[in-house]
Amino acid sequence: METIIVQPPDPSRPGGDGPAGNGLLRMGPGDVADFGRGVPGDKEVSIVLPDPGISRRAGRLEAAEDYWRLSNFSRGTAYAVENLEGAGEYISVAPGRLGAPVPFEFSRVVLPALSGTVAFKVFAPQHAYLDGRSSPGAGDSTVHPYALDATAKYFLVLVALCEPRLRDPSDGALPSAGDVAERLRPLESCRGLTRSAVNYHIDYLAFAKLRLDVGDRSGADGSARTGAKRVRLVSLALRFGLVREEHLALLPSRRRPVLQTSGA
């Protein structure tokens, strides 16, 4: 099972296609991958960053058990690793630093370049969380097959998808990506949430966190594929109790504020 999934920059799709896109690099514990400008015909650089301001071998990623490490081969430039789920949170990896551990589940590695900056994304879907039922010293700990972080934005998307079925099991309708974005937008952390961002999180849930098999993703039309993913996500989440009624408290209130009118 992969520890991290790397999404290299794609010039043909500014902003990328989410974790389900093509050209992803999947790495398991002990795997390493160098990144940089590379040399034409040289396959030693797994993540190519085609900018003349980037070193040919700029650094290295190393997958560990449930996190990853970054090495900076530059002699004079620090690299930034941004937490895509945090409000501006980042770590700086100093020049020459080897094996700096990165604790974020959603990361963007940013390098200074002649074009401004060059970045690629790293996802760590197998982050481990404490199982309250485990006893210290009772042998190997249990690895949850669906390690979800209830504080992450993707979990809010999953709860919003499941909300109609949780409130009324007979309700067969599922919210669209646009409905989910509108439902979550009142939350401070989701003010800028868009339909495409919701689809991005749906892809991450389907193919990285819950590892769904939704058939051939290249044959059907985009809306049909997204609909199938939403149905499968909700079915699995409710069947195994990944989303429960108490999680509805994470969503914004459905009550509309009462407008106050001033007396004459």
C-alpha atoms as a PDB file:
ATOM      1  CA  MET A   1       0.000   0.000   0.000  1.00  0.00           C
ATOM      2  CA  GLU A   2       1.370   3.420  -0.917  1.00  0.00           C
ATOM      3  CA  THR A   3       2.511   5.829   1.784  1.00  0.00           C
ATOM      4  CA  ILE A   4       2.399   8.898  -0.436  1.00  0.00           C
ATOM      5  CA  ILE A   5       1.039   9.945  -3.811  1.00  0.00           C
ATOM      6  CA  VAL A   6       2.910  12.641  -5.731  1.00  0.00           C
ATOM      7  CA  GLN A   7       1.154  14.859  -8.269  1.00  0.00           C
ATOM      8  CA  PRO A   8       3.768  16.544 -10.483  1.00  0.00           C
ATOM      9  CA  PRO A   9       3.006  19.892 -12.092  1.00  0.00           C
ATOM     10  CA  ASP A  10       1.071  19.521 -15.351  1.00  0.00           C
ATOM     11  CA  PRO A  11       1.519  22.432 -17.795  1.00  0.00           C
ATOM     12  CA  SER A  12      -1.605  21.414 -19.723  1.00  0.00           C
ATOM     13  CA  ARG A  13      -3.810  21.594 -16.580  1.00  0.00           C
ATOM     14  CA  PRO A  14      -2.948  24.533 -14.355  1.00  0.00           C
ATOM     15  CA  GLY A  15      -3.954  23.479 -10.853  1.00  0.00           C
ATOM     16  CA  GLY A  16      -4.070  19.782 -11.731  1.00  0.00           C
ATOM     17  CA  ASP A  17      -6.760  17.162 -11.864  1.00  0.00           C
ATOM     18  CA  GLY A  18      -6.755  15.943  -8.287  1.00  0.00           C
ATOM     19  CA  PRO A  19      -5.381  12.667  -6.937  1.00  0.00           C
ATOM     20  CA  ALA A  20      -7.242  10.629  -9.570  1.00  0.00           C
ATOM     21  CA  GLY A  21      -5.420  12.295 -12.474  1.00  0.00           C
ATOM     22  CA  ASN A  22      -2.822  10.712 -14.727  1.00  0.00           C
ATOM     23  CA  GLY A  23       0.946  10.820 -14.222  1.00  0.00           C
ATOM     24  CA  LEU A  24       0.825  10.217 -10.472  1.00  0.00           C
ATOM     25  CA  LEU A  25       3.793   8.737  -8.645  1.00  0.00           C
ATOM     26  CA  ARG A  26       2.828   6.247  -5.922  1.00  0.00           C
ATOM     27  CA  MET A  27       5.444   5.439  -3.296  1.00  0.00           C
ATOM     28  CA  GLY A  28       5.501   2.859  -0.520  1.00  0.00           C
ATOM     29  CA  PRO A  29       7.657   2.649   2.618  1.00  0.00           C
ATOM     30  CA  GLY A  30      11.340   2.861   1.713  1.00  0.00           C
ATOM     31  CA  ASP A  31      10.795   4.214  -1.814  1.00  0.00           C
ATOM     32  CA  VAL A  32      12.743   7.311  -2.832  1.00  0.00           C
ATOM     33  CA  ALA A  33      12.228   9.744  -5.701  1.00  0.00           C
ATOM     34  CA  ASP A  34      14.473  12.606  -6.770  1.00  0.00           C
ATOM     35  CA  PHE A  35      13.042  15.833  -8.149  1.00  0.00           C
ATOM     36  CA  GLY A  36      14.572  18.595 -10.240  1.00  0.00           C
ATOM     37  CA  ARG A  37      15.125  19.771 -13.792  1.00  0.00           C
ATOM     38  CA  GLY A  38      16.834  16.535 -14.741  1.00  0.00           C
ATOM     39  CA  VAL A  39      18.952  15.711 -17.773  1.00  0.00           C
ATOM     40  CA  PRO A  40      17.315  14.848 -21.127  1.00  0.00           C
ATOM     41  CA  GLY A  41      17.154  11.074 -21.446  1.00  0.00           C
ATOM     42  CA  ASP A  42      18.164  10.554 -17.804  1.00  0.00           C
ATOM     43  CA  LYS A  43      15.517   8.722 -15.760  1.00  0.00           C
ATOM     44  CA  GLU A  44      17.137   9.313 -12.381  1.00  0.00           C
ATOM     45  CA  VAL A  45      14.823  12.258 -11.687  1.00  0.00           C
ATOM     46  CA  SER A  46      11.320  10.917 -11.081  1.00  0.00           C
ATOM     47  CA  ILE A  47       9.630  14.316 -10.634  1.00  0.00           C
ATOM     48  CA  VAL A  48      10.629  16.662 -13.448  1.00  0.00           C
ATOM     49  CA  LEU A  49      10.384  20.407 -12.765  1.00  0.00           C
ATOM     50  CA  PRO A  50      11.177  22.022 -16.138  1.00  0.00           C
ATOM     51  CA  ASP A  51      12.449  25.463 -15.134  1.00  0.00           C
ATOM     52  CA  PRO A  52      16.001  26.679 -15.837  1.00  0.00           C
ATOM     53  CA  GLY A  53      16.167  28.066 -12.302  1.00  0.00           C
ATOM     54  CA  ILE A  54      15.734  24.595 -10.753  1.00  0.00           C
ATOM     55  CA  SER A  55      18.786  22.405 -10.134  1.00  0.00           C
ATOM     56  CA  ARG A  56      19.079  19.229 -12.165  1.00  0.00           C
ATOM     57  CA  ARG A  57      18.822  17.275  -8.892  1.00  0.00           C
ATOM     58  CA  ALA A  58      17.095  19.645  -6.503  1.00  0.00           C
ATOM     59  CA  GLY A  59      16.060  17.231  -3.796  1.00  0.00           C
ATOM     60  CA  ARG A  60      14.590  13.900  -2.801  1.00  0.00           C
ATOM     61  CA  LEU A  61      11.381  12.479  -1.332  1.00  0.00           C
ATOM     62  CA  GLU A  62      11.470   9.384   0.856  1.00  0.00           C
ATOM     63  CA  ALA A  63       8.327   7.513   1.895  1.00  0.00           C
ATOM     64  CA  ALA A  64       8.296   6.223   5.467  1.00  0.00           C
ATOM     65  CA  GLU A  65       5.586   4.209   7.245  1.00  0.00           C
ATOM     66  CA  ASP A  66       2.798   6.810   7.363  1.00  0.00           C
ATOM     67  CA  TYR A  67       4.624  10.048   6.539  1.00  0.00           C
ATOM     68  CA  TRP A  68       7.430  11.214   4.266  1.00  0.00           C
ATOM     69  CA  ARG A  69      10.769  13.010   4.379  1.00  0.00           C
ATOM     70  CA  LEU A  70      12.209  15.697   2.147  1.00  0.00           C
ATOM     71  CA  SER A  71      15.878  16.351   1.399  1.00  0.00           C
ATOM     72  CA  ASN A  72      17.041  19.692  -0.007  1.00  0.00           C
ATOM     73  CA  PHE A  73      20.126  19.328  -2.215  1.00  0.00           C
ATOM     74  CA  SER A  74      20.405  23.088  -2.812  1.00  0.00           C
ATOM     75  CA  ARG A  75      23.385  24.906  -1.275  1.00  0.00           C
ATOM     76  CA  GLY A  76      21.713  28.274  -0.939  1.00  0.00           C
ATOM     77  CA  THR A  77      17.924  28.043  -1.266  1.00  0.00           C
ATOM     78  CA  ALA A  78      15.318  26.828   1.214  1.00  0.00           C
ATOM     79  CA  TYR A  79      12.195  24.977   0.055  1.00  0.00           C
ATOM     80  CA  ALA A  80       8.741  25.507   1.520  1.00  0.00           C
ATOM     81  CA  VAL A  81       6.279  22.715   2.256  1.00  0.00           C
ATOM     82  CA  GLU A  82       2.767  24.142   2.627  1.00  0.00           C
ATOM     83  CA  ASN A  83      -0.066  22.458   4.496  1.00  0.00           C
ATOM     84  CA  LEU A  84      -2.970  22.633   2.027  1.00  0.00           C
ATOM     85  CA  GLU A  85      -5.431  22.046   4.891  1.00  0.00           C
ATOM     86  CA  GLY A  86      -3.899  24.705   7.140  1.00  0.00           C
ATOM     87  CA  ALA A  87      -4.462  28.459   7.104  1.00  0.00           C
ATOM     88  CA  GLY A  88      -1.038  29.424   5.786  1.00  0.00           C
ATOM     89  CA  GLU A  89       0.823  26.769   7.795  1.00  0.00           C
ATOM     90  CA  TYR A  90       4.126  25.640   6.282  1.00  0.00           C
ATOM     91  CA  ILE A  91       7.556  24.324   7.139  1.00  0.00           C
ATOM     92  CA  SER A  92      10.823  25.534   5.628  1.00  0.00           C
ATOM     93  CA  VAL A  93      13.477  22.981   4.671  1.00  0.00           C
ATOM     94  CA  ALA A  94      16.886  24.627   4.885  1.00  0.00           C
ATOM     95  CA  PRO A  95      19.600  24.276   2.211  1.00  0.00           C
ATOM     96  CA  GLY A  96      21.433  21.002   2.597  1.00  0.00           C
ATOM     97  CA  ARG A  97      18.868  19.584   5.043  1.00  0.00           C
ATOM     98  CA  LEU A  98      18.481  15.834   4.623  1.00  0.00           C
ATOM     99  CA  GLY A  99      15.449  13.752   5.619  1.00  0.00           C
ATOM    100  CA  ALA A 100      13.242  16.507   7.054  1.00  0.00           C
ATOM    101  CA  PRO A 101       9.998  14.809   8.226  1.00  0.00           C
ATOM    102  CA  VAL A 102       6.754  16.259   6.832  1.00  0.00           C
ATOM    103  CA  PRO A 103       3.662  15.729   9.038  1.00  0.00           C
ATOM    104  CA  PHE A 104       1.000  17.080   6.663  1.00  0.00           C
ATOM    105  CA  GLU A 105      -1.523  14.885   4.854  1.00  0.00           C
ATOM    106  CA  PHE A 106      -1.985  17.423   2.025  1.00  0.00           C
ATOM    107  CA  SER A 107       1.236  19.189   1.030  1.00  0.00           C
ATOM    108  CA  ARG A 108       2.554  21.472  -1.674  1.00  0.00           C
ATOM    109  CA  VAL A 109       6.333  21.582  -2.143  1.00  0.00           C
ATOM    110  CA  VAL A 110       7.312  25.020  -3.445  1.00  0.00           C
ATOM    111  CA  LEU A 111      10.690  25.867  -4.998  1.00  0.00           C
ATOM    112  CA  PRO A 112      11.868  29.306  -6.162  1.00  0.00           C
ATOM    113  CA  ALA A 113      12.345  29.420  -9.932  1.00  0.00           C
ATOM    114  CA  LEU A 114      12.959  31.869 -12.774  1.00  0.00           C
ATOM    115  CA  SER A 115       9.250  31.738 -13.587  1.00  0.00           C
ATOM    116  CA  GLY A 116       8.415  32.702  -9.989  1.00  0.00           C
ATOM    117  CA  THR A 117       7.862  29.408  -8.188  1.00  0.00           C
ATOM    118  CA  VAL A 118       7.465  25.777  -9.195  1.00  0.00           C
ATOM    119  CA  ALA A 119       5.405  23.405  -7.058  1.00  0.00           C
ATOM    120  CA  PHE A 120       4.183  19.845  -6.859  1.00  0.00           C
ATOM    121  CA  LYS A 121       1.710  18.204  -4.477  1.00  0.00           C
ATOM    122  CA  VAL A 122       2.227  15.296  -2.111  1.00  0.00           C
ATOM    123  CA  PHE A 123      -0.622  13.360  -0.501  1.00  0.00           C
ATOM    124  CA  ALA A 124      -0.093  11.070   2.492  1.00  0.00           C
ATOM    125  CA  PRO A 125      -3.387   9.116   2.682  1.00  0.00           C
ATOM    126  CA  GLN A 126      -2.204   6.513   5.174  1.00  0.00           C
ATOM    127  CA  HIS A 127      -1.678   8.827   8.139  1.00  0.00           C
ATOM    128  CA  ALA A 128      -2.228   6.841  11.337  1.00  0.00           C
ATOM    129  CA  TYR A 129      -4.554   7.924  14.156  1.00  0.00           C
ATOM    130  CA  LEU A 130      -4.914   6.607  17.679  1.00  0.00           C
ATOM    131  CA  ASP A 131      -7.301   3.709  18.064  1.00  0.00           C
ATOM    132  CA  GLY A 132      -8.841   4.180  21.509  1.00  0.00           C
ATOM    133  CA  ARG A 133      -9.554   0.470  21.721  1.00  0.00           C
ATOM    134  CA  SER A 134      -5.869  -0.457  21.509  1.00  0.00           C
ATOM    135  CA  SER A 135      -3.971  -1.330  24.672  1.00  0.00           C
ATOM    136  CA  PRO A 136      -0.316  -0.325  25.108  1.00  0.00           C
ATOM    137  CA  GLY A 137       2.041  -3.268  24.945  1.00  0.00           C
ATOM    138  CA  ALA A 138      -0.536  -5.567  23.361  1.00  0.00           C
ATOM    139  CA  GLY A 139       1.534  -6.329  20.280  1.00  0.00           C
ATOM    140  CA  ASP A 140       1.339  -4.648  16.880  1.00  0.00           C
ATOM    141  CA  SER A 141      -1.176  -1.827  16.689  1.00  0.00           C
ATOM    142  CA  THR A 142      -4.181  -2.138  14.402  1.00  0.00           C
ATOM    143  CA  VAL A 143      -4.025  -0.149  11.166  1.00  0.00           C
ATOM    144  CA  HIS A 144      -7.467   1.205  10.332  1.00  0.00           C
ATOM    145  CA  PRO A 145      -8.366   0.314   6.722  1.00  0.00           C
ATOM    146  CA  TYR A 146     -10.037   3.724   6.291  1.00  0.00           C
ATOM    147  CA  ALA A 147      -7.895   6.278   8.144  1.00  0.00           C
ATOM    148  CA  LEU A 148      -9.980   9.457   7.963  1.00  0.00           C
ATOM    149  CA  ASP A 149      -9.143  12.742   9.668  1.00  0.00           C
ATOM    150  CA  ALA A 150     -12.369  14.284  11.000  1.00  0.00           C
ATOM    151  CA  THR A 151     -10.697  17.720  11.010  1.00  0.00           C
ATOM    152  CA  ALA A 152      -9.862  17.641   7.300  1.00  0.00           C
ATOM    153  CA  LYS A 153     -11.854  19.382   4.589  1.00  0.00           C
ATOM    154  CA  TYR A 154     -12.332  16.126   2.668  1.00  0.00           C
ATOM    155  CA  PHE A 155     -14.165  14.736   5.713  1.00  0.00           C
ATOM    156  CA  LEU A 156     -16.553  17.714   5.685  1.00  0.00           C
ATOM    157  CA  VAL A 157     -17.252  16.953   2.026  1.00  0.00           C
ATOM    158  CA  LEU A 158     -18.005  13.332   2.918  1.00  0.00           C
ATOM    159  CA  VAL A 159     -20.339  14.349   5.763  1.00  0.00           C
ATOM    160  CA  ALA A 160     -22.197  16.755   3.461  1.00  0.00           C
ATOM    161  CA  LEU A 161     -22.596  13.984   0.886  1.00  0.00           C
ATOM    162  CA  CYS A 162     -24.001  11.642   3.540  1.00  0.00           C
ATOM    163  CA  GLU A 163     -26.247  14.222   5.228  1.00  0.00           C
ATOM    164  CA  PRO A 164     -29.495  13.519   3.310  1.00  0.00           C
ATOM    165  CA  ARG A 165     -29.265   9.759   3.991  1.00  0.00           C
ATOM    166  CA  LEU A 166     -28.387  10.318   7.654  1.00  0.00           C
ATOM    167  CA  ARG A 167     -31.398  12.580   8.159  1.00  0.00           C
ATOM    168  CA  ASP A 168     -33.758  10.407   6.116  1.00  0.00           C
ATOM    169  CA  PRO A 169     -32.575   6.896   5.096  1.00  0.00           C
ATOM    170  CA  SER A 170     -35.363   6.738   2.498  1.00  0.00           C
ATOM    171  CA  ASP A 171     -33.997   9.819   0.706  1.00  0.00           C
ATOM    172  CA  GLY A 172     -32.368   8.505  -2.451  1.00  0.00           C
ATOM    173  CA  ALA A 173     -31.105  11.870  -3.720  1.00  0.00           C
ATOM    174  CA  LEU A 174     -27.459  12.789  -3.243  1.00  0.00           C
ATOM    175  CA  PRO A 175     -26.138  16.348  -3.300  1.00  0.00           C
ATOM    176  CA  SER A 176     -24.104  17.411  -6.316  1.00  0.00           C
ATOM    177  CA  ALA A 177     -20.626  18.891  -6.006  1.00  0.00           C
ATOM    178  CA  GLY A 178     -22.178  22.334  -6.332  1.00  0.00           C
ATOM    179  CA  ASP A 179     -24.698  21.535  -3.581  1.00  0.00           C
ATOM    180  CA  VAL A 180     -21.886  20.405  -1.276  1.00  0.00           C
ATOM    181  CA  ALA A 181     -19.876  23.574  -1.935  1.00  0.00           C
ATOM    182  CA  GLU A 182     -22.908  25.729  -1.132  1.00  0.00           C
ATOM    183  CA  ARG A 183     -23.697  23.686   2.005  1.00  0.00           C
ATOM    184  CA  LEU A 184     -20.177  24.083   3.416  1.00  0.00           C
ATOM    185  CA  ARG A 185     -19.443  27.645   2.347  1.00  0.00           C
ATOM    186  CA  PRO A 186     -20.812  29.244   5.566  1.00  0.00           C
ATOM    187  CA  LEU A 187     -17.918  27.598   7.439  1.00  0.00           C
ATOM    188  CA  GLU A 188     -14.874  29.831   7.852  1.00  0.00           C
ATOM    189  CA  SER A 189     -12.570  27.137   6.472  1.00  0.00           C
ATOM    190  CA  CYS A 190     -14.745  26.664   3.375  1.00  0.00           C
ATOM    191  CA  ARG A 191     -15.458  30.263   2.341  1.00  0.00           C
ATOM    192  CA  GLY A 192     -13.599  29.804  -0.933  1.00  0.00           C
ATOM    193  CA  LEU A 193     -14.795  26.250  -1.624  1.00  0.00           C
ATOM    194  CA  THR A 194     -15.748  25.722  -5.268  1.00  0.00           C
ATOM    195  CA  ARG A 195     -17.446  22.946  -7.206  1.00  0.00           C
ATOM    196  CA  SER A 196     -14.115  21.872  -8.731  1.00  0.00           C
ATOM    197  CA  ALA A 197     -12.515  21.793  -5.271  1.00  0.00           C
ATOM    198  CA  VAL A 198     -15.323  19.530  -4.015  1.00  0.00           C
ATOM    199  CA  ASN A 199     -14.732  17.179  -6.967  1.00  0.00           C
ATOM    200  CA  TYR A 200     -11.036  17.234  -6.050  1.00  0.00           C
ATOM    201  CA  HIS A 201     -11.830  16.044  -2.523  1.00  0.00           C
ATOM    202  CA  ILE A 202     -14.270  13.431  -3.866  1.00  0.00           C
ATOM    203  CA  ASP A 203     -11.461  12.058  -6.058  1.00  0.00           C
ATOM    204  CA  TYR A 204      -9.109  11.959  -3.083  1.00  0.00           C
ATOM    205  CA  LEU A 205     -11.665  10.122  -0.953  1.00  0.00           C
ATOM    206  CA  ALA A 206     -12.538   7.656  -3.702  1.00  0.00           C
ATOM    207  CA  PHE A 207      -9.083   6.710  -4.923  1.00  0.00           C
ATOM    208  CA  ALA A 208      -6.706   7.414  -2.026  1.00  0.00           C
ATOM    209  CA  LYS A 209      -8.589   7.169   1.271  1.00  0.00           C
ATOM    210  CA  LEU A 210     -11.363   4.622   0.626  1.00  0.00           C
ATOM    211  CA  ARG A 211      -9.797   2.990  -2.455  1.00  0.00           C
ATOM    212  CA  LEU A 212     -13.011   2.497  -4.398  1.00  0.00           C
ATOM    213  CA  ASP A 213     -13.241   0.560  -7.634  1.00  0.00           C
ATOM    214  CA  VAL A 214     -15.620   2.558  -9.828  1.00  0.00           C
ATOM    215  CA  GLY A 215     -14.782   0.814 -13.073  1.00  0.00           C
ATOM    216  CA  ASP A 216     -13.080   2.278 -16.122  1.00  0.00           C
ATOM    217  CA  ARG A 217     -12.642   5.991 -15.473  1.00  0.00           C
ATOM    218  CA  SER A 218     -11.720   6.682 -19.100  1.00  0.00           C
ATOM    219  CA  GLY A 219     -14.805   5.294 -20.820  1.00  0.00           C
ATOM    220  CA  ALA A 220     -17.827   7.000 -19.277  1.00  0.00           C
ATOM    221  CA  ASP A 221     -18.694  10.670 -19.331  1.00  0.00           C
ATOM    222  CA  GLY A 222     -17.389  12.896 -16.510  1.00  0.00           C
ATOM    223  CA  SER A 223     -20.721  13.489 -14.785  1.00  0.00           C
ATOM    224  CA  ALA A 224     -21.545   9.774 -14.789  1.00  0.00           C
ATOM    225  CA  ARG A 225     -18.179   8.936 -13.227  1.00  0.00           C
ATOM    226  CA  THR A 226     -18.599  11.594 -10.545  1.00  0.00           C
ATOM    227  CA  GLY A 227     -22.129  10.374  -9.794  1.00  0.00           C
ATOM    228  CA  ALA A 228     -20.912   6.796  -9.412  1.00  0.00           C
ATOM    229  CA  LYS A 229     -18.164   7.899  -7.053  1.00  0.00           C
ATOM    230  CA  ARG A 230     -20.599   9.851  -4.886  1.00  0.00           C
ATOM    231  CA  VAL A 231     -22.972   6.873  -4.638  1.00  0.00           C
ATOM    232  CA  ARG A 232     -20.180   4.465  -3.720  1.00  0.00           C
ATOM    233  CA  LEU A 233     -18.634   6.866  -1.200  1.00  0.00           C
ATOM    234  CA  VAL A 234     -21.914   7.418   0.635  1.00  0.00           C
ATOM    235  CA  SER A 235     -22.765   3.714   0.602  1.00  0.00           C
ATOM    236  CA  LEU A 236     -19.408   2.664   2.053  1.00  0.00           C
ATOM    237  CA  ALA A 237     -19.240   5.506   4.601  1.00  0.00           C
ATOM    238  CA  LEU A 238     -22.670   4.701   6.012  1.00  0.00           C
ATOM    239  CA  ARG A 239     -22.302   0.927   5.860  1.00  0.00           C
ATOM    240  CA  PHE A 240     -19.132   0.918   7.960  1.00  0.00           C
ATOM    241  CA  GLY A 241     -20.038   3.837  10.215  1.00  0.00           C
ATOM    242  CA  LEU A 242     -17.313   6.130   8.911  1.00  0.00           C
ATOM    243  CA  VAL A 243     -19.858   8.966   8.999  1.00  0.00           C
ATOM    244  CA  ARG A 244     -22.454   8.962  11.768  1.00  0.00           C
ATOM    245  CA  GLU A 245     -25.204  11.238  13.044  1.00  0.00           C
ATOM    246  CA  GLU A 246     -22.889  12.981  15.499  1.00  0.00           C
ATOM    247  CA  HIS A 247     -20.752  14.145  12.584  1.00  0.00           C
ATOM    248  CA  LEU A 248     -23.638  16.290  11.342  1.00  0.00           C
ATOM    249  CA  ALA A 249     -22.620  18.771  14.068  1.00  0.00           C
ATOM    250  CA  LEU A 250     -19.576  19.587  11.915  1.00  0.00           C
ATOM    251  CA  LEU A 251     -21.823  21.121   9.257  1.00  0.00           C
ATOM    252  CA  PRO A 252     -23.117  24.700   9.414  1.00  0.00           C
ATOM    253  CA  SER A 253     -26.574  25.185  10.899  1.00  0.00           C
ATOM    254  CA  ARG A 254     -29.426  24.901   8.426  1.00  0.00           C
ATOM    255  CA  ARG A 255     -31.392  27.569  10.291  1.00  0.00           C
ATOM    256  CA  ARG A 256     -31.480  30.872   8.500  1.00  0.00           C
ATOM    257  CA  PRO A 257     -30.765  33.939  10.656  1.00  0.00           C
ATOM    258  CA  VAL A 258     -33.833  35.994  11.543  1.00  0.00           C
ATOM    259  CA  LEU A 259     -33.600  39.490  10.100  1.00  0.00           C
ATOM    260  CA  GLN A 260     -34.101  42.189  12.703  1.00  0.00           C
ATOM    261  CA  THR A 261     -36.322  45.084  11.673  1.00  0.00           C
ATOM    262  CA  SER A 262     -36.125  48.406  13.425  1.00  0.00           C
ATOM    263  CA  GLY A 263     -39.349  49.925  14.705  1.00  0.00           C
ATOM    264  CA  ALA A 264     -40.671  53.215  13.353  1.00  0.00           C
END
